[in-house]
Amino acid sequence: MFIAIYQFSVKPGHEHAFRQAWLALTQGIYLQRGSLGSRMHR
């Protein structure tokens, strides 16, 4: 198993757009590369 932890700085007011972009990218990786998934923590 491989685990990666990333830290992002999101500009105030852009939280929703960041979540949407993160979700789209995560789903794409899951569908195209067989990722086991990912989670976002605040």
Protein backbone atom coordinates (compact mmCIF):
# COMPACT_ATOMS: atom_id res chain seq x y z
CA MET A 1 0.00 0.00 0.00
CA PHE A 2 1.14 3.51 -0.78
CA ILE A 3 -0.04 6.58 1.09
CA ALA A 4 0.69 10.18 0.16
CA ILE A 5 -0.22 13.20 2.24
CA TYR A 6 -0.44 16.58 0.52
CA GLN A 7 -1.07 19.97 2.05
CA PHE A 8 -2.82 22.65 0.02
CA SER A 9 -3.37 26.33 0.68
CA VAL A 10 -6.72 27.48 -0.69
CA LYS A 11 -7.52 31.15 -1.04
CA PRO A 12 -10.48 32.31 1.05
CA GLY A 13 -13.68 32.16 -0.98
CA HIS A 14 -12.33 29.47 -3.33
CA GLU A 15 -13.00 26.45 -1.11
CA HIS A 16 -15.97 25.17 -3.11
CA ALA A 17 -14.14 25.43 -6.44
CA PHE A 18 -11.13 23.64 -4.95
CA ARG A 19 -13.32 20.79 -3.67
CA GLN A 20 -15.00 20.42 -7.06
CA ALA A 21 -11.67 20.37 -8.92
CA TRP A 22 -10.18 17.90 -6.42
CA LEU A 23 -13.20 15.61 -6.79
CA ALA A 24 -13.05 15.67 -10.60
CA LEU A 25 -9.33 14.89 -10.60
CA THR A 26 -9.72 12.13 -8.01
CA GLN A 27 -12.53 10.49 -10.00
CA GLY A 28 -10.48 10.69 -13.20
CA ILE A 29 -7.49 8.99 -11.58
CA TYR A 30 -9.79 6.33 -10.13
CA LEU A 31 -11.39 5.59 -13.51
CA GLN A 32 -8.24 5.79 -15.65
CA ARG A 33 -5.57 4.37 -13.37
CA GLY A 34 -7.41 2.12 -10.91
CA SER A 35 -6.72 4.22 -7.84
CA LEU A 36 -8.11 2.84 -4.60
CA GLY A 37 -9.47 6.30 -3.82
CA SER A 38 -8.47 9.29 -1.77
CA ARG A 39 -9.80 11.42 1.06
CA MET A 40 -9.75 15.08 1.83
CA HIS A 41 -9.35 16.22 5.43
CA ARG A 42 -9.61 19.76 6.70
